């Protein structure tokens, strides 16, 4: 006589759950759901590192500083062009200063 886990004819070669269709379907659906959730939480495009490791590295902020410096240079150029455009349009320095929130 067999036990509950093995048939009366002899020991089972595989556990019953290996080929159970209901369990296979549950595994398939769970795997699909997990994949959807992973994709929904995908990191933003661009370089990203581990924030803890970045904070520990003495050079961690250098790429960010370089990027910000380049952005600052571009903004400074735009600022200067906007001021020159305003002057060429006939605005006074006082009017430009007021628009910029700068006093004399």
C-alpha atoms as a PDB file:
ATOM      1  CA  UNK A   1       0.000   0.000   0.000  1.00  0.00           C
ATOM      2  CA  UNK A   2       1.125   3.516  -0.767  1.00  0.00           C
ATOM      3  CA  UNK A   3       1.036   6.617   1.354  1.00  0.00           C
ATOM      4  CA  UNK A   4      -0.870   9.790   0.513  1.00  0.00           C
ATOM      5  CA  UNK A   5       2.133  11.068  -1.465  1.00  0.00           C
ATOM      6  CA  UNK A   6       2.788   7.975  -3.534  1.00  0.00           C
ATOM      7  CA  UNK A   7       0.505   5.788  -5.580  1.00  0.00           C
ATOM      8  CA  UNK A   8      -0.191   2.194  -4.572  1.00  0.00           C
ATOM      9  CA  UNK A   9       1.890   0.922  -7.502  1.00  0.00           C
ATOM     10  CA  UNK A  10       5.194   2.358  -6.257  1.00  0.00           C
ATOM     11  CA  UNK A  11       7.052   5.512  -5.249  1.00  0.00           C
ATOM     12  CA  UNK A  12       6.362   8.652  -7.275  1.00  0.00           C
ATOM     13  CA  UNK A  13       9.176   9.954  -9.460  1.00  0.00           C
ATOM     14  CA  UNK A  14       7.944  13.551  -9.216  1.00  0.00           C
ATOM     15  CA  UNK A  15       5.940  15.384  -6.584  1.00  0.00           C
ATOM     16  CA  UNK A  16       2.293  15.910  -7.527  1.00  0.00           C
ATOM     17  CA  UNK A  17       2.693  19.693  -7.664  1.00  0.00           C
ATOM     18  CA  UNK A  18       5.314  19.604 -10.410  1.00  0.00           C
ATOM     19  CA  UNK A  19       2.715  19.030 -13.127  1.00  0.00           C
ATOM     20  CA  UNK A  20      -0.440  20.302 -11.494  1.00  0.00           C
ATOM     21  CA  UNK A  21      -2.171  22.504 -14.122  1.00  0.00           C
ATOM     22  CA  UNK A  22      -3.811  24.751 -11.563  1.00  0.00           C
ATOM     23  CA  UNK A  23      -0.502  25.495  -9.832  1.00  0.00           C
ATOM     24  CA  UNK A  24       1.216  26.008 -13.185  1.00  0.00           C
ATOM     25  CA  UNK A  25      -1.419  28.605 -14.115  1.00  0.00           C
ATOM     26  CA  UNK A  26      -1.005  30.383 -10.761  1.00  0.00           C
ATOM     27  CA  UNK A  27       2.766  30.489 -11.284  1.00  0.00           C
ATOM     28  CA  UNK A  28       2.337  31.816 -14.840  1.00  0.00           C
ATOM     29  CA  UNK A  29      -0.059  34.590 -13.754  1.00  0.00           C
ATOM     30  CA  UNK A  30       2.121  35.507 -10.773  1.00  0.00           C
ATOM     31  CA  UNK A  31       5.209  35.705 -12.951  1.00  0.00           C
ATOM     32  CA  UNK A  32       3.418  37.936 -15.469  1.00  0.00           C
ATOM     33  CA  UNK A  33       2.135  40.217 -12.692  1.00  0.00           C
ATOM     34  CA  UNK A  34       5.592  40.458 -11.143  1.00  0.00           C
ATOM     35  CA  UNK A  35       7.090  41.342 -14.526  1.00  0.00           C
ATOM     36  CA  UNK A  36       4.492  44.093 -15.044  1.00  0.00           C
ATOM     37  CA  UNK A  37       5.256  45.542 -11.628  1.00  0.00           C
ATOM     38  CA  UNK A  38       8.998  45.439 -12.249  1.00  0.00           C
ATOM     39  CA  UNK A  39       8.531  47.248 -15.566  1.00  0.00           C
ATOM     40  CA  UNK A  40       6.310  49.844 -13.899  1.00  0.00           C
ATOM     41  CA  UNK A  41       9.093  50.559 -11.413  1.00  0.00           C
ATOM     42  CA  UNK A  42      11.862  50.655 -14.001  1.00  0.00           C
ATOM     43  CA  UNK A  43      14.498  53.281 -13.318  1.00  0.00           C
ATOM     44  CA  UNK A  44      14.364  56.554 -15.180  1.00  0.00           C
ATOM     45  CA  UNK A  45      16.476  56.810 -18.308  1.00  0.00           C
ATOM     46  CA  UNK A  46      19.991  58.026 -17.878  1.00  0.00           C
ATOM     47  CA  UNK A  47      22.876  57.184 -15.635  1.00  0.00           C
ATOM     48  CA  UNK A  48      21.821  56.152 -12.180  1.00  0.00           C
ATOM     49  CA  UNK A  49      23.840  54.657  -9.427  1.00  0.00           C
ATOM     50  CA  UNK A  50      23.313  53.477  -5.942  1.00  0.00           C
ATOM     51  CA  UNK A  51      22.796  56.643  -3.838  1.00  0.00           C
ATOM     52  CA  UNK A  52      24.478  55.076  -0.803  1.00  0.00           C
ATOM     53  CA  UNK A  53      27.584  54.168  -2.783  1.00  0.00           C
ATOM     54  CA  UNK A  54      27.602  57.573  -4.460  1.00  0.00           C
ATOM     55  CA  UNK A  55      27.501  59.332  -1.079  1.00  0.00           C
ATOM     56  CA  UNK A  56      30.445  57.274   0.154  1.00  0.00           C
ATOM     57  CA  UNK A  57      32.631  58.052  -2.849  1.00  0.00           C
ATOM     58  CA  UNK A  58      34.737  61.214  -2.515  1.00  0.00           C
ATOM     59  CA  UNK A  59      34.325  61.898  -6.260  1.00  0.00           C
ATOM     60  CA  UNK A  60      30.627  61.047  -6.432  1.00  0.00           C
ATOM     61  CA  UNK A  61      29.449  64.591  -7.074  1.00  0.00           C
ATOM     62  CA  UNK A  62      31.966  65.450  -9.803  1.00  0.00           C
ATOM     63  CA  UNK A  63      29.866  64.375 -12.820  1.00  0.00           C
ATOM     64  CA  UNK A  64      26.891  66.234 -11.397  1.00  0.00           C
ATOM     65  CA  UNK A  65      28.985  69.361 -10.798  1.00  0.00           C
ATOM     66  CA  UNK A  66      30.303  69.207 -14.357  1.00  0.00           C
ATOM     67  CA  UNK A  67      26.777  68.941 -15.735  1.00  0.00           C
ATOM     68  CA  UNK A  68      25.533  71.833 -13.579  1.00  0.00           C
ATOM     69  CA  UNK A  69      28.496  74.013 -14.586  1.00  0.00           C
ATOM     70  CA  UNK A  70      27.756  73.391 -18.281  1.00  0.00           C
ATOM     71  CA  UNK A  71      24.094  74.195 -17.704  1.00  0.00           C
ATOM     72  CA  UNK A  72      25.056  77.376 -15.844  1.00  0.00           C
ATOM     73  CA  UNK A  73      27.228  78.475 -18.784  1.00  0.00           C
ATOM     74  CA  UNK A  74      24.328  77.944 -21.205  1.00  0.00           C
ATOM     75  CA  UNK A  75      21.946  79.881 -18.956  1.00  0.00           C
ATOM     76  CA  UNK A  76      24.436  82.729 -18.539  1.00  0.00           C
ATOM     77  CA  UNK A  77      24.682  83.025 -22.322  1.00  0.00           C
ATOM     78  CA  UNK A  78      20.871  83.053 -22.665  1.00  0.00           C
ATOM     79  CA  UNK A  79      20.640  85.674 -19.901  1.00  0.00           C
ATOM     80  CA  UNK A  80      23.145  87.961 -21.601  1.00  0.00           C
ATOM     81  CA  UNK A  81      21.408  87.588 -24.979  1.00  0.00           C
ATOM     82  CA  UNK A  82      18.028  88.404 -23.398  1.00  0.00           C
ATOM     83  CA  UNK A  83      19.425  91.551 -21.782  1.00  0.00           C
ATOM     84  CA  UNK A  84      21.003  92.672 -25.075  1.00  0.00           C
ATOM     85  CA  UNK A  85      17.749  91.953 -26.914  1.00  0.00           C
ATOM     86  CA  UNK A  86      15.841  94.054 -24.381  1.00  0.00           C
ATOM     87  CA  UNK A  87      18.337  96.932 -24.746  1.00  0.00           C
ATOM     88  CA  UNK A  88      18.181  96.702 -28.559  1.00  0.00           C
ATOM     89  CA  UNK A  89      14.382  96.822 -28.304  1.00  0.00           C
ATOM     90  CA  UNK A  90      14.696 100.174 -26.537  1.00  0.00           C
ATOM     91  CA  UNK A  91      14.171  99.199 -22.896  1.00  0.00           C
ATOM     92  CA  UNK A  92      16.095 101.202 -20.321  1.00  0.00           C
ATOM     93  CA  UNK A  93      18.466  99.648 -17.804  1.00  0.00           C
ATOM     94  CA  UNK A  94      15.939 100.542 -15.102  1.00  0.00           C
ATOM     95  CA  UNK A  95      13.184  98.654 -16.918  1.00  0.00           C
ATOM     96  CA  UNK A  96      15.442  95.616 -17.437  1.00  0.00           C
ATOM     97  CA  UNK A  97      16.504  95.729 -13.771  1.00  0.00           C
ATOM     98  CA  UNK A  98      12.875  95.856 -12.661  1.00  0.00           C
ATOM     99  CA  UNK A  99      12.002  92.888 -14.886  1.00  0.00           C
ATOM    100  CA  UNK A 100      14.904  90.941 -13.374  1.00  0.00           C
ATOM    101  CA  UNK A 101      14.104  91.970  -9.821  1.00  0.00           C
ATOM    102  CA  UNK A 102      17.416  93.779  -9.524  1.00  0.00           C
ATOM    103  CA  UNK A 103      17.816  97.274  -8.149  1.00  0.00           C
ATOM    104  CA  UNK A 104      20.523  99.671  -9.296  1.00  0.00           C
END
